[in-house]
Amino acid sequence: MTKEPPILVVNKPRQTTTRSRKAAPARRREAAPRKGNAKRGRKKKGGERKRNFPSWAYYLMMGAVGVILLAGFYYFFIRPYAYRWKPCYGTKAYGVCLPYGYSVHGFDISHHQGRIDWEKLRGVQQAPFPVRFVFMKASEGGDFSDTAFVRNFDEARRVGFIRGAYHFYNPKTSPERQADFFIRSVKLEPGDLPPVLDIETRPADARKLRADLKKWLDRVERHYGVKPILYTSYKYKTRYLNDSLFNSYPYWIAHYYVDSVAYEGEWKFWQHTDVGTLPGIDNQVDLNVFNGTMAEMDSLRIKPVITDQTGQTDPCRLPKNP
C-alpha cells in the first residue's frame, strides 16, 4: 500500500455521495411549500376577520366621521361670519346692517385702504346716517410709521372729520420706546380724539403685558394730558385686561358680526364690522359707532389749554365744544 504525499492529503477533495447531493434540494423543496402554506393560512385567517366586520358598521363609522368634520368646519369657518349673510331687518347703509340705536358713526383706516379721495369722502358727513369721526393708524412697535398717516391725518382735519390716531402695540418691544415713538409721530391738537393704544397680539406672559401696557398708557397720558383710549377685541379684553385698572380707560371694543355688544362693562366705541364701504375708499373699511350723543363725544375730545394772566391753567375757562 503506497502512501500519498501530505499535500495531497490536505487538498484531497471531499467525497460526497450522490444520495447526499440529491437530498439537500429535496429538503429545500419540502420546506418551501410549508412556508407558502403558512402565508396562505395567515391570509385566510385575515380574510375571515375582514369578512366578520359588518359593512353597515363601516358605513356608519364613516358617516359619523363626516358629520364631525362638517360640524367642525361650520363652527370654525362659517359660524363666525354667518352674520354677513343674515337678512337686515334694520337700517342698511355703507354696505352693512347698521347697529340699532346709535347716531354717531365713524370709521378707521390705515395704509391698507390705499389712497383715499377725501373730497368724495367728505360727503358722508351730511348723509342720512352721518359719519363724523375717523381713527388712523400712526405707528406700530418701536420704529414702524404708517405710510399713509401724515396725509390722511391732515386731510381728515381739512374736510371736517373728528380725527384720532392709534398705535399698534408689540409686546416684544419696550413700552417706553413705543410710547416715545408714538409721541414723536403724532401731534394731536385741540378737538382731536384722545390717543389710542391698539393691543391684539397674545402675550407670552400676561402679567408682564399688563405692566408694560400701563407704562405706555402713563407715558402717553402725561404727554397729551388726556387719558388714552384702549382698543382690543371682546375676547382679548375679558381674558387679559378685565380688571379695575384697565376698566378705567375709555374702551373701544372690536366685536364683529353680532347684533349687539356682549361686553357687560362700560365702553365708548364699537368696531362692529370690517367689510364696510365708503365713497372715496376703494377697499373695504372698518366701521364704528360711538356709545352716546354728539355732545358726549365732544366732552371726550382734547381741549385747548387756556392760561390766565399768571400763566396758570384755568379749568373753568376750558370750552365745552372746541
C-alpha atoms as a PDB file:
ATOM      1  CA  MET A   1       0.000   0.000   0.000  1.00  0.00           C
ATOM      2  CA  THR A   2       1.514   3.270  -1.104  1.00  0.00           C
ATOM      3  CA  LYS A   3       1.356   6.446   0.960  1.00  0.00           C
ATOM      4  CA  GLU A   4       0.139   9.685  -0.582  1.00  0.00           C
ATOM      5  CA  PRO A   5       2.132  12.861  -0.123  1.00  0.00           C
ATOM      6  CA  PRO A   6       0.870  15.078   2.735  1.00  0.00           C
ATOM      7  CA  ILE A   7      -0.089  17.897   0.443  1.00  0.00           C
ATOM      8  CA  LEU A   8      -2.301  15.634  -1.476  1.00  0.00           C
ATOM      9  CA  VAL A   9      -3.958  14.559   1.699  1.00  0.00           C
ATOM     10  CA  VAL A  10      -4.760  18.148   2.622  1.00  0.00           C
ATOM     11  CA  ASN A  11      -6.052  19.095  -0.786  1.00  0.00           C
ATOM     12  CA  LYS A  12      -7.892  15.943  -1.342  1.00  0.00           C
ATOM     13  CA  PRO A  13     -11.415  16.731  -2.485  1.00  0.00           C
ATOM     14  CA  ARG A  14     -14.196  15.845  -0.145  1.00  0.00           C
ATOM     15  CA  GLN A  15     -16.135  12.973  -1.413  1.00  0.00           C
ATOM     16  CA  THR A  16     -19.874  13.135  -1.246  1.00  0.00           C
ATOM     17  CA  THR A  17     -22.275  10.530  -2.279  1.00  0.00           C
ATOM     18  CA  THR A  18     -24.807  11.034  -4.967  1.00  0.00           C
ATOM     19  CA  ARG A  19     -27.532  10.393  -2.421  1.00  0.00           C
ATOM     20  CA  SER A  20     -26.429  13.236  -0.137  1.00  0.00           C
ATOM     21  CA  ARG A  21     -26.142  15.763  -3.017  1.00  0.00           C
ATOM     22  CA  LYS A  22     -29.651  14.995  -4.129  1.00  0.00           C
ATOM     23  CA  ALA A  23     -31.114  15.009  -0.656  1.00  0.00           C
ATOM     24  CA  ALA A  24     -30.427  18.713   0.082  1.00  0.00           C
ATOM     25  CA  PRO A  25     -32.535  20.151  -2.758  1.00  0.00           C
ATOM     26  CA  ALA A  26     -35.266  17.785  -1.773  1.00  0.00           C
ATOM     27  CA  ARG A  27     -35.279  19.152   1.746  1.00  0.00           C
ATOM     28  CA  ARG A  28     -35.373  22.707   0.406  1.00  0.00           C
ATOM     29  CA  ARG A  29     -38.246  21.821  -1.848  1.00  0.00           C
ATOM     30  CA  GLU A  30     -40.066  20.324   1.064  1.00  0.00           C
ATOM     31  CA  ALA A  31     -39.558  23.458   3.207  1.00  0.00           C
ATOM     32  CA  ALA A  32     -40.829  25.873   0.580  1.00  0.00           C
ATOM     33  CA  PRO A  33     -44.371  24.533   0.397  1.00  0.00           C
ATOM     34  CA  ARG A  34     -44.654  24.698   4.176  1.00  0.00           C
ATOM     35  CA  LYS A  35     -43.693  28.404   4.112  1.00  0.00           C
ATOM     36  CA  GLY A  36     -46.177  29.181   1.390  1.00  0.00           C
ATOM     37  CA  ASN A  37     -48.859  27.240   3.155  1.00  0.00           C
ATOM     38  CA  ALA A  38     -48.238  29.292   6.311  1.00  0.00           C
ATOM     39  CA  LYS A  39     -48.700  32.555   4.387  1.00  0.00           C
ATOM     40  CA  ARG A  40     -51.847  31.291   2.774  1.00  0.00           C
ATOM     41  CA  GLY A  41     -53.064  30.278   6.156  1.00  0.00           C
ATOM     42  CA  ARG A  42     -52.428  33.724   7.591  1.00  0.00           C
ATOM     43  CA  LYS A  43     -54.129  35.390   4.657  1.00  0.00           C
ATOM     44  CA  LYS A  44     -57.071  33.144   5.050  1.00  0.00           C
ATOM     45  CA  LYS A  45     -57.388  33.990   8.721  1.00  0.00           C
ATOM     46  CA  GLY A  46     -57.102  37.741   7.978  1.00  0.00           C
ATOM     47  CA  GLY A  47     -59.710  37.454   5.288  1.00  0.00           C
ATOM     48  CA  GLU A  48     -62.030  35.752   7.706  1.00  0.00           C
ATOM     49  CA  ARG A  49     -61.626  38.604  10.204  1.00  0.00           C
ATOM     50  CA  LYS A  50     -62.377  41.203   7.484  1.00  0.00           C
ATOM     51  CA  ARG A  51     -65.492  39.368   6.431  1.00  0.00           C
ATOM     52  CA  ASN A  52     -66.604  39.215  10.046  1.00  0.00           C
ATOM     53  CA  PHE A  53     -66.676  43.131  10.273  1.00  0.00           C
ATOM     54  CA  PRO A  54     -70.222  44.184   9.232  1.00  0.00           C
ATOM     55  CA  SER A  55     -70.381  46.502   6.239  1.00  0.00           C
ATOM     56  CA  TRP A  56     -73.171  48.550   7.835  1.00  0.00           C
ATOM     57  CA  ALA A  57     -70.894  49.330  10.805  1.00  0.00           C
ATOM     58  CA  TYR A  58     -68.167  50.503   8.435  1.00  0.00           C
ATOM     59  CA  TYR A  59     -70.519  52.925   6.654  1.00  0.00           C
ATOM     60  CA  LEU A  60     -71.943  54.093   9.971  1.00  0.00           C
ATOM     61  CA  MET A  61     -68.456  54.909  11.227  1.00  0.00           C
ATOM     62  CA  MET A  62     -67.551  56.801   8.052  1.00  0.00           C
ATOM     63  CA  GLY A  63     -70.798  58.766   8.257  1.00  0.00           C
ATOM     64  CA  ALA A  64     -70.071  59.756  11.867  1.00  0.00           C
ATOM     65  CA  VAL A  65     -66.595  60.979  10.910  1.00  0.00           C
ATOM     66  CA  GLY A  66     -68.078  63.023   8.063  1.00  0.00           C
ATOM     67  CA  VAL A  67     -70.624  64.643  10.387  1.00  0.00           C
ATOM     68  CA  ILE A  68     -67.878  65.576  12.856  1.00  0.00           C
ATOM     69  CA  LEU A  69     -65.752  67.145  10.101  1.00  0.00           C
ATOM     70  CA  LEU A  70     -68.680  69.153   8.738  1.00  0.00           C
ATOM     71  CA  ALA A  71     -69.631  70.355  12.211  1.00  0.00           C
ATOM     72  CA  GLY A  72     -66.069  71.464  12.891  1.00  0.00           C
ATOM     73  CA  PHE A  73     -65.852  73.272   9.567  1.00  0.00           C
ATOM     74  CA  TYR A  74     -69.096  75.137  10.272  1.00  0.00           C
ATOM     75  CA  TYR A  75     -68.103  76.067  13.817  1.00  0.00           C
ATOM     76  CA  PHE A  76     -64.666  77.459  12.960  1.00  0.00           C
ATOM     77  CA  PHE A  77     -65.138  78.823   9.427  1.00  0.00           C
ATOM     78  CA  ILE A  78     -68.835  79.506   8.794  1.00  0.00           C
ATOM     79  CA  ARG A  79     -70.440  80.418  12.119  1.00  0.00           C
ATOM     80  CA  PRO A  80     -68.168  83.417  12.930  1.00  0.00           C
ATOM     81  CA  TYR A  81     -69.106  85.044   9.607  1.00  0.00           C
ATOM     82  CA  ALA A  82     -72.714  83.890   9.287  1.00  0.00           C
ATOM     83  CA  TYR A  83     -73.901  87.338  10.370  1.00  0.00           C
ATOM     84  CA  ARG A  84     -72.811  88.682   6.984  1.00  0.00           C
ATOM     85  CA  TRP A  85     -75.500  86.674   5.238  1.00  0.00           C
ATOM     86  CA  LYS A  86     -78.315  87.284   7.687  1.00  0.00           C
ATOM     87  CA  PRO A  87     -81.184  89.407   6.348  1.00  0.00           C
ATOM     88  CA  CYS A  88     -81.065  93.013   7.553  1.00  0.00           C
ATOM     89  CA  TYR A  89     -84.303  93.952   9.288  1.00  0.00           C
ATOM     90  CA  GLY A  90     -82.940  97.314  10.452  1.00  0.00           C
ATOM     91  CA  THR A  91     -81.121 100.084   8.632  1.00  0.00           C
ATOM     92  CA  LYS A  92     -78.694  99.179   5.894  1.00  0.00           C
ATOM     93  CA  ALA A  93     -76.037 101.696   4.881  1.00  0.00           C
ATOM     94  CA  TYR A  94     -72.405 101.719   3.824  1.00  0.00           C
ATOM     95  CA  GLY A  95     -72.723  98.094   2.698  1.00  0.00           C
ATOM     96  CA  VAL A  96     -73.725  96.664   6.088  1.00  0.00           C
ATOM     97  CA  CYS A  97     -76.622  96.491   8.510  1.00  0.00           C
ATOM     98  CA  LEU A  98     -76.040  99.332  10.984  1.00  0.00           C
ATOM     99  CA  PRO A  99     -76.363  98.619  14.710  1.00  0.00           C
ATOM    100  CA  TYR A 100     -79.656  99.857  16.104  1.00  0.00           C
ATOM    101  CA  GLY A 101     -79.816 102.833  18.457  1.00  0.00           C
ATOM    102  CA  TYR A 102     -76.581 104.686  17.613  1.00  0.00           C
ATOM    103  CA  SER A 103     -76.469 108.070  15.930  1.00  0.00           C
ATOM    104  CA  VAL A 104     -72.736 108.865  15.857  1.00  0.00           C
ATOM    105  CA  HIS A 105     -70.877 106.824  13.230  1.00  0.00           C
ATOM    106  CA  GLY A 106     -67.213 106.636  12.259  1.00  0.00           C
ATOM    107  CA  PHE A 107     -64.550 104.530  10.590  1.00  0.00           C
ATOM    108  CA  ASP A 108     -60.870 103.653  10.966  1.00  0.00           C
ATOM    109  CA  ILE A 109     -58.159 103.345   8.325  1.00  0.00           C
ATOM    110  CA  SER A 110     -54.513 102.596   7.651  1.00  0.00           C
ATOM    111  CA  HIS A 111     -52.309 102.254   4.585  1.00  0.00           C
ATOM    112  CA  HIS A 112     -54.256  99.079   3.722  1.00  0.00           C
ATOM    113  CA  GLN A 113     -57.097 101.242   2.399  1.00  0.00           C
ATOM    114  CA  GLY A 114     -54.799 102.737  -0.228  1.00  0.00           C
ATOM    115  CA  ARG A 115     -55.002 106.344  -1.366  1.00  0.00           C
ATOM    116  CA  ILE A 116     -58.254 107.915  -0.180  1.00  0.00           C
ATOM    117  CA  ASP A 117     -60.237 110.532  -2.088  1.00  0.00           C
ATOM    118  CA  TRP A 118     -61.126 112.804   0.812  1.00  0.00           C
ATOM    119  CA  GLU A 119     -63.242 115.117  -1.336  1.00  0.00           C
ATOM    120  CA  LYS A 120     -65.574 112.250  -2.140  1.00  0.00           C
ATOM    121  CA  LEU A 121     -65.445 111.005   1.412  1.00  0.00           C
ATOM    122  CA  ARG A 122     -66.406 114.314   2.996  1.00  0.00           C
ATOM    123  CA  GLY A 123     -69.967 113.930   1.698  1.00  0.00           C
ATOM    124  CA  VAL A 124     -70.795 111.175   4.226  1.00  0.00           C
ATOM    125  CA  GLN A 125     -70.830 113.828   6.954  1.00  0.00           C
ATOM    126  CA  GLN A 126     -74.138 115.085   5.521  1.00  0.00           C
ATOM    127  CA  ALA A 127     -75.562 111.643   4.665  1.00  0.00           C
ATOM    128  CA  PRO A 128     -78.796 110.314   6.256  1.00  0.00           C
ATOM    129  CA  PHE A 129     -76.553 108.450   8.709  1.00  0.00           C
ATOM    130  CA  PRO A 130     -73.683 110.919   9.027  1.00  0.00           C
ATOM    131  CA  VAL A 131     -70.151 109.653   9.579  1.00  0.00           C
ATOM    132  CA  ARG A 132     -68.447 112.067  11.949  1.00  0.00           C
ATOM    133  CA  PHE A 133     -65.146 110.624  13.207  1.00  0.00           C
ATOM    134  CA  VAL A 134     -62.149 108.661  11.941  1.00  0.00           C
ATOM    135  CA  PHE A 135     -59.268 106.867  13.643  1.00  0.00           C
ATOM    136  CA  MET A 136     -55.994 106.416  11.742  1.00  0.00           C
ATOM    137  CA  LYS A 137     -53.056 104.111  12.333  1.00  0.00           C
ATOM    138  CA  ALA A 138     -49.981 106.180  13.087  1.00  0.00           C
ATOM    139  CA  SER A 139     -47.325 103.760  14.319  1.00  0.00           C
ATOM    140  CA  GLU A 140     -46.500 100.184  15.212  1.00  0.00           C
ATOM    141  CA  GLY A 141     -43.889  98.838  17.588  1.00  0.00           C
ATOM    142  CA  GLY A 142     -40.817 100.981  18.059  1.00  0.00           C
ATOM    143  CA  ASP A 143     -39.950 102.020  14.528  1.00  0.00           C
ATOM    144  CA  PHE A 144     -42.763 101.489  12.003  1.00  0.00           C
ATOM    145  CA  SER A 145     -44.702 104.525  10.766  1.00  0.00           C
ATOM    146  CA  ASP A 146     -47.845 104.007   8.727  1.00  0.00           C
ATOM    147  CA  THR A 147     -47.022 105.344   5.274  1.00  0.00           C
ATOM    148  CA  ALA A 148     -50.454 106.928   4.789  1.00  0.00           C
ATOM    149  CA  PHE A 149     -50.818 108.544   8.201  1.00  0.00           C
ATOM    150  CA  VAL A 150     -49.441 112.036   7.614  1.00  0.00           C
ATOM    151  CA  ARG A 151     -51.575 112.656   4.522  1.00  0.00           C
ATOM    152  CA  ASN A 152     -54.709 111.081   5.996  1.00  0.00           C
ATOM    153  CA  PHE A 153     -54.358 112.952   9.285  1.00  0.00           C
ATOM    154  CA  ASP A 154     -54.050 116.322   7.554  1.00  0.00           C
ATOM    155  CA  GLU A 155     -56.829 115.618   5.042  1.00  0.00           C
ATOM    156  CA  ALA A 156     -59.256 114.472   7.714  1.00  0.00           C
ATOM    157  CA  ARG A 157     -58.916 117.772   9.559  1.00  0.00           C
ATOM    158  CA  ARG A 158     -59.193 119.761   6.321  1.00  0.00           C
ATOM    159  CA  VAL A 159     -62.534 118.208   5.288  1.00  0.00           C
ATOM    160  CA  GLY A 160     -64.030 118.412   8.766  1.00  0.00           C
ATOM    161  CA  PHE A 161     -63.810 114.948  10.336  1.00  0.00           C
ATOM    162  CA  ILE A 162     -63.159 114.489  14.038  1.00  0.00           C
ATOM    163  CA  ARG A 163     -59.881 112.619  13.942  1.00  0.00           C
ATOM    164  CA  GLY A 164     -57.878 110.316  16.172  1.00  0.00           C
ATOM    165  CA  ALA A 165     -54.648 108.313  15.944  1.00  0.00           C
ATOM    166  CA  TYR A 166     -53.741 104.884  17.226  1.00  0.00           C
ATOM    167  CA  HIS A 167     -50.587 102.884  17.941  1.00  0.00           C
ATOM    168  CA  PHE A 168     -50.395  99.130  17.263  1.00  0.00           C
ATOM    169  CA  TYR A 169     -48.615  97.643  20.272  1.00  0.00           C
ATOM    170  CA  ASN A 170     -45.876  94.995  20.012  1.00  0.00           C
ATOM    171  CA  PRO A 171     -45.385  93.066  23.295  1.00  0.00           C
ATOM    172  CA  LYS A 172     -41.807  92.211  22.305  1.00  0.00           C
ATOM    173  CA  THR A 173     -40.695  95.859  22.181  1.00  0.00           C
ATOM    174  CA  SER A 174     -40.011  98.180  25.113  1.00  0.00           C
ATOM    175  CA  PRO A 175     -43.178 100.094  26.119  1.00  0.00           C
ATOM    176  CA  GLU A 176     -41.181 103.279  26.737  1.00  0.00           C
ATOM    177  CA  ARG A 177     -39.659 103.107  23.271  1.00  0.00           C
ATOM    178  CA  GLN A 178     -43.088 102.555  21.707  1.00  0.00           C
ATOM    179  CA  ALA A 179     -44.646 105.422  23.652  1.00  0.00           C
ATOM    180  CA  ASP A 180     -41.871 107.837  22.680  1.00  0.00           C
ATOM    181  CA  PHE A 181     -42.136 106.766  19.049  1.00  0.00           C
ATOM    182  CA  PHE A 182     -45.891 107.423  19.013  1.00  0.00           C
ATOM    183  CA  ILE A 183     -45.408 110.815  20.665  1.00  0.00           C
ATOM    184  CA  ARG A 184     -42.847 111.815  18.020  1.00  0.00           C
ATOM    185  CA  SER A 185     -45.159 110.602  15.248  1.00  0.00           C
ATOM    186  CA  VAL A 186     -48.440 112.199  16.316  1.00  0.00           C
ATOM    187  CA  LYS A 187     -49.099 115.864  17.056  1.00  0.00           C
ATOM    188  CA  LEU A 188     -52.611 115.924  18.472  1.00  0.00           C
ATOM    189  CA  GLU A 189     -54.429 119.238  18.516  1.00  0.00           C
ATOM    190  CA  PRO A 190     -57.440 120.608  20.365  1.00  0.00           C
ATOM    191  CA  GLY A 191     -60.578 118.952  19.026  1.00  0.00           C
ATOM    192  CA  ASP A 192     -58.862 115.646  18.275  1.00  0.00           C
ATOM    193  CA  LEU A 193     -59.853 112.422  19.987  1.00  0.00           C
ATOM    194  CA  PRO A 194     -57.528 111.010  22.679  1.00  0.00           C
ATOM    195  CA  PRO A 195     -54.616 108.789  21.600  1.00  0.00           C
ATOM    196  CA  VAL A 196     -55.432 105.103  21.182  1.00  0.00           C
ATOM    197  CA  LEU A 197     -53.478 102.004  22.197  1.00  0.00           C
ATOM    198  CA  ASP A 198     -54.304  99.038  19.951  1.00  0.00           C
ATOM    199  CA  ILE A 199     -53.411  95.716  21.574  1.00  0.00           C
ATOM    200  CA  GLU A 200     -54.186  92.459  19.751  1.00  0.00           C
ATOM    201  CA  THR A 201     -51.100  90.210  19.993  1.00  0.00           C
ATOM    202  CA  ARG A 202     -51.316  87.397  22.529  1.00  0.00           C
ATOM    203  CA  PRO A 203     -48.630  87.698  25.205  1.00  0.00           C
ATOM    204  CA  ALA A 204     -46.204  85.042  26.372  1.00  0.00           C
ATOM    205  CA  ASP A 205     -46.525  86.481  29.886  1.00  0.00           C
ATOM    206  CA  ALA A 206     -49.877  88.112  30.707  1.00  0.00           C
ATOM    207  CA  ARG A 207     -48.597  89.723  33.919  1.00  0.00           C
ATOM    208  CA  LYS A 208     -45.687  91.365  32.114  1.00  0.00           C
ATOM    209  CA  LEU A 209     -48.016  92.547  29.352  1.00  0.00           C
ATOM    210  CA  ARG A 210     -50.278  94.355  31.820  1.00  0.00           C
ATOM    211  CA  ALA A 211     -47.299  96.026  33.498  1.00  0.00           C
ATOM    212  CA  ASP A 212     -45.863  97.152  30.137  1.00  0.00           C
ATOM    213  CA  LEU A 213     -49.189  98.460  28.848  1.00  0.00           C
ATOM    214  CA  LYS A 214     -49.555 100.548  31.987  1.00  0.00           C
ATOM    215  CA  LYS A 215     -46.127 102.098  31.309  1.00  0.00           C
ATOM    216  CA  TRP A 216     -47.195 103.029  27.767  1.00  0.00           C
ATOM    217  CA  LEU A 217     -50.515 104.470  28.927  1.00  0.00           C
ATOM    218  CA  ASP A 218     -48.956 106.526  31.726  1.00  0.00           C
ATOM    219  CA  ARG A 219     -46.244 107.954  29.484  1.00  0.00           C
ATOM    220  CA  VAL A 220     -48.675 108.937  26.736  1.00  0.00           C
ATOM    221  CA  GLU A 221     -51.188 110.390  29.198  1.00  0.00           C
ATOM    222  CA  ARG A 222     -48.514 112.611  30.762  1.00  0.00           C
ATOM    223  CA  HIS A 223     -47.552 113.964  27.339  1.00  0.00           C
ATOM    224  CA  TYR A 224     -51.012 114.700  25.925  1.00  0.00           C
ATOM    225  CA  GLY A 225     -52.760 115.470  29.196  1.00  0.00           C
ATOM    226  CA  VAL A 226     -55.681 113.141  28.464  1.00  0.00           C
ATOM    227  CA  LYS A 227     -56.475 109.537  29.289  1.00  0.00           C
ATOM    228  CA  PRO A 228     -55.778 107.276  26.276  1.00  0.00           C
ATOM    229  CA  ILE A 229     -58.368 105.009  24.689  1.00  0.00           C
ATOM    230  CA  LEU A 230     -57.794 101.260  24.888  1.00  0.00           C
ATOM    231  CA  TYR A 231     -58.662  99.248  21.760  1.00  0.00           C
ATOM    232  CA  THR A 232     -58.911  95.464  21.727  1.00  0.00           C
ATOM    233  CA  SER A 233     -61.327  92.660  20.961  1.00  0.00           C
ATOM    234  CA  TYR A 234     -64.056  91.491  23.269  1.00  0.00           C
ATOM    235  CA  LYS A 235     -62.307  88.163  23.944  1.00  0.00           C
ATOM    236  CA  TYR A 236     -58.889  89.762  24.482  1.00  0.00           C
ATOM    237  CA  LYS A 237     -60.288  92.280  26.948  1.00  0.00           C
ATOM    238  CA  THR A 238     -62.118  89.691  29.032  1.00  0.00           C
ATOM    239  CA  ARG A 239     -59.129  87.320  29.045  1.00  0.00           C
ATOM    240  CA  TYR A 240     -56.203  89.675  29.730  1.00  0.00           C
ATOM    241  CA  LEU A 241     -57.363  93.185  30.664  1.00  0.00           C
ATOM    242  CA  ASN A 242     -60.603  92.751  32.547  1.00  0.00           C
ATOM    243  CA  ASP A 243     -59.754  94.447  35.830  1.00  0.00           C
ATOM    244  CA  SER A 244     -60.423  97.744  37.597  1.00  0.00           C
ATOM    245  CA  LEU A 245     -57.150  99.275  36.359  1.00  0.00           C
ATOM    246  CA  PHE A 246     -57.806  98.876  32.642  1.00  0.00           C
ATOM    247  CA  ASN A 247     -61.547  99.356  33.034  1.00  0.00           C
ATOM    248  CA  SER A 248     -60.802 102.969  33.965  1.00  0.00           C
ATOM    249  CA  TYR A 249     -59.709 103.739  30.382  1.00  0.00           C
ATOM    250  CA  PRO A 250     -62.199 104.559  27.623  1.00  0.00           C
ATOM    251  CA  TYR A 251     -62.759 101.267  25.844  1.00  0.00           C
ATOM    252  CA  TRP A 252     -63.007 100.831  22.066  1.00  0.00           C
ATOM    253  CA  ILE A 253     -64.281  97.305  21.516  1.00  0.00           C
ATOM    254  CA  ALA A 254     -63.802  95.211  18.376  1.00  0.00           C
ATOM    255  CA  HIS A 255     -66.743  92.806  18.119  1.00  0.00           C
ATOM    256  CA  TYR A 256     -67.806  91.761  14.612  1.00  0.00           C
ATOM    257  CA  TYR A 257     -70.910  90.107  13.133  1.00  0.00           C
ATOM    258  CA  VAL A 258     -73.186  90.486  16.150  1.00  0.00           C
ATOM    259  CA  ASP A 259     -76.393  92.431  16.716  1.00  0.00           C
ATOM    260  CA  SER A 260     -75.229  93.935  19.991  1.00  0.00           C
ATOM    261  CA  VAL A 261     -72.168  94.163  22.227  1.00  0.00           C
ATOM    262  CA  ALA A 262     -71.845  91.235  24.610  1.00  0.00           C
ATOM    263  CA  TYR A 263     -69.329  93.020  26.834  1.00  0.00           C
ATOM    264  CA  GLU A 264     -71.017  93.932  30.103  1.00  0.00           C
ATOM    265  CA  GLY A 265     -68.636  96.709  31.151  1.00  0.00           C
ATOM    266  CA  GLU A 266     -68.544 100.339  30.027  1.00  0.00           C
ATOM    267  CA  TRP A 267     -67.379 101.083  26.501  1.00  0.00           C
ATOM    268  CA  LYS A 268     -67.171 104.184  24.281  1.00  0.00           C
ATOM    269  CA  PHE A 269     -66.620 102.933  20.719  1.00  0.00           C
ATOM    270  CA  TRP A 270     -67.698  99.774  18.950  1.00  0.00           C
ATOM    271  CA  GLN A 271     -65.979  98.498  15.816  1.00  0.00           C
ATOM    272  CA  HIS A 272     -68.867  96.415  14.502  1.00  0.00           C
ATOM    273  CA  THR A 273     -67.667  95.328  11.032  1.00  0.00           C
ATOM    274  CA  ASP A 274     -64.630  95.137   8.791  1.00  0.00           C
ATOM    275  CA  VAL A 275     -66.498  94.987   5.459  1.00  0.00           C
ATOM    276  CA  GLY A 276     -67.962  98.492   5.233  1.00  0.00           C
ATOM    277  CA  THR A 277     -67.896 100.555   2.046  1.00  0.00           C
ATOM    278  CA  LEU A 278     -67.472 104.322   1.846  1.00  0.00           C
ATOM    279  CA  PRO A 279     -67.217 106.675  -1.150  1.00  0.00           C
ATOM    280  CA  GLY A 280     -63.630 107.644  -1.878  1.00  0.00           C
ATOM    281  CA  ILE A 281     -62.209 104.416  -0.393  1.00  0.00           C
ATOM    282  CA  ASP A 282     -61.651 101.585  -2.862  1.00  0.00           C
ATOM    283  CA  ASN A 283     -61.112  98.815  -0.292  1.00  0.00           C
ATOM    284  CA  GLN A 284     -63.394  97.614   2.474  1.00  0.00           C
ATOM    285  CA  VAL A 285     -63.133  99.541   5.710  1.00  0.00           C
ATOM    286  CA  ASP A 286     -63.870  99.108   9.427  1.00  0.00           C
ATOM    287  CA  LEU A 287     -66.988 100.903  10.660  1.00  0.00           C
ATOM    288  CA  ASN A 288     -67.638 102.096  14.203  1.00  0.00           C
ATOM    289  CA  VAL A 289     -70.280 103.702  16.378  1.00  0.00           C
ATOM    290  CA  PHE A 290     -69.929 105.920  19.440  1.00  0.00           C
ATOM    291  CA  ASN A 291     -71.856 104.884  22.533  1.00  0.00           C
ATOM    292  CA  GLY A 292     -73.505 108.225  23.238  1.00  0.00           C
ATOM    293  CA  THR A 293     -74.575 111.522  21.760  1.00  0.00           C
ATOM    294  CA  MET A 294     -72.527 114.001  19.786  1.00  0.00           C
ATOM    295  CA  ALA A 295     -72.320 116.240  22.848  1.00  0.00           C
ATOM    296  CA  GLU A 296     -70.878 113.362  24.853  1.00  0.00           C
ATOM    297  CA  MET A 297     -68.274 112.759  22.194  1.00  0.00           C
ATOM    298  CA  ASP A 298     -67.326 116.432  22.281  1.00  0.00           C
ATOM    299  CA  SER A 299     -66.618 116.106  26.006  1.00  0.00           C
ATOM    300  CA  LEU A 300     -64.169 113.305  25.196  1.00  0.00           C
ATOM    301  CA  ARG A 301     -62.136 115.356  22.705  1.00  0.00           C
ATOM    302  CA  ILE A 302     -58.881 117.121  23.580  1.00  0.00           C
ATOM    303  CA  LYS A 303     -59.483 120.649  24.817  1.00  0.00           C
ATOM    304  CA  PRO A 304     -57.197 123.636  24.350  1.00  0.00           C
ATOM    305  CA  VAL A 305     -55.124 124.712  27.309  1.00  0.00           C
ATOM    306  CA  ILE A 306     -56.159 128.216  28.315  1.00  0.00           C
ATOM    307  CA  THR A 307     -53.991 130.060  30.806  1.00  0.00           C
ATOM    308  CA  ASP A 308     -54.783 133.107  32.894  1.00  0.00           C
ATOM    309  CA  GLN A 309     -52.616 136.203  33.263  1.00  0.00           C
ATOM    310  CA  THR A 310     -50.307 134.420  35.703  1.00  0.00           C
ATOM    311  CA  GLY A 311     -49.623 131.651  33.182  1.00  0.00           C
ATOM    312  CA  GLN A 312     -51.606 129.056  35.131  1.00  0.00           C
ATOM    313  CA  THR A 313     -54.254 126.831  33.551  1.00  0.00           C
ATOM    314  CA  ASP A 314     -57.800 127.869  34.415  1.00  0.00           C
ATOM    315  CA  PRO A 315     -60.051 124.763  34.137  1.00  0.00           C
ATOM    316  CA  CYS A 316     -63.207 126.875  34.403  1.00  0.00           C
ATOM    317  CA  ARG A 317     -62.365 128.587  31.131  1.00  0.00           C
ATOM    318  CA  LEU A 318     -61.946 125.425  29.074  1.00  0.00           C
ATOM    319  CA  PRO A 319     -64.550 125.441  26.290  1.00  0.00           C
ATOM    320  CA  LYS A 320     -67.069 122.612  26.216  1.00  0.00           C
ATOM    321  CA  ASN A 321     -67.025 122.148  22.444  1.00  0.00           C
ATOM    322  CA  PRO A 322     -63.708 123.060  20.836  1.00  0.00           C
END
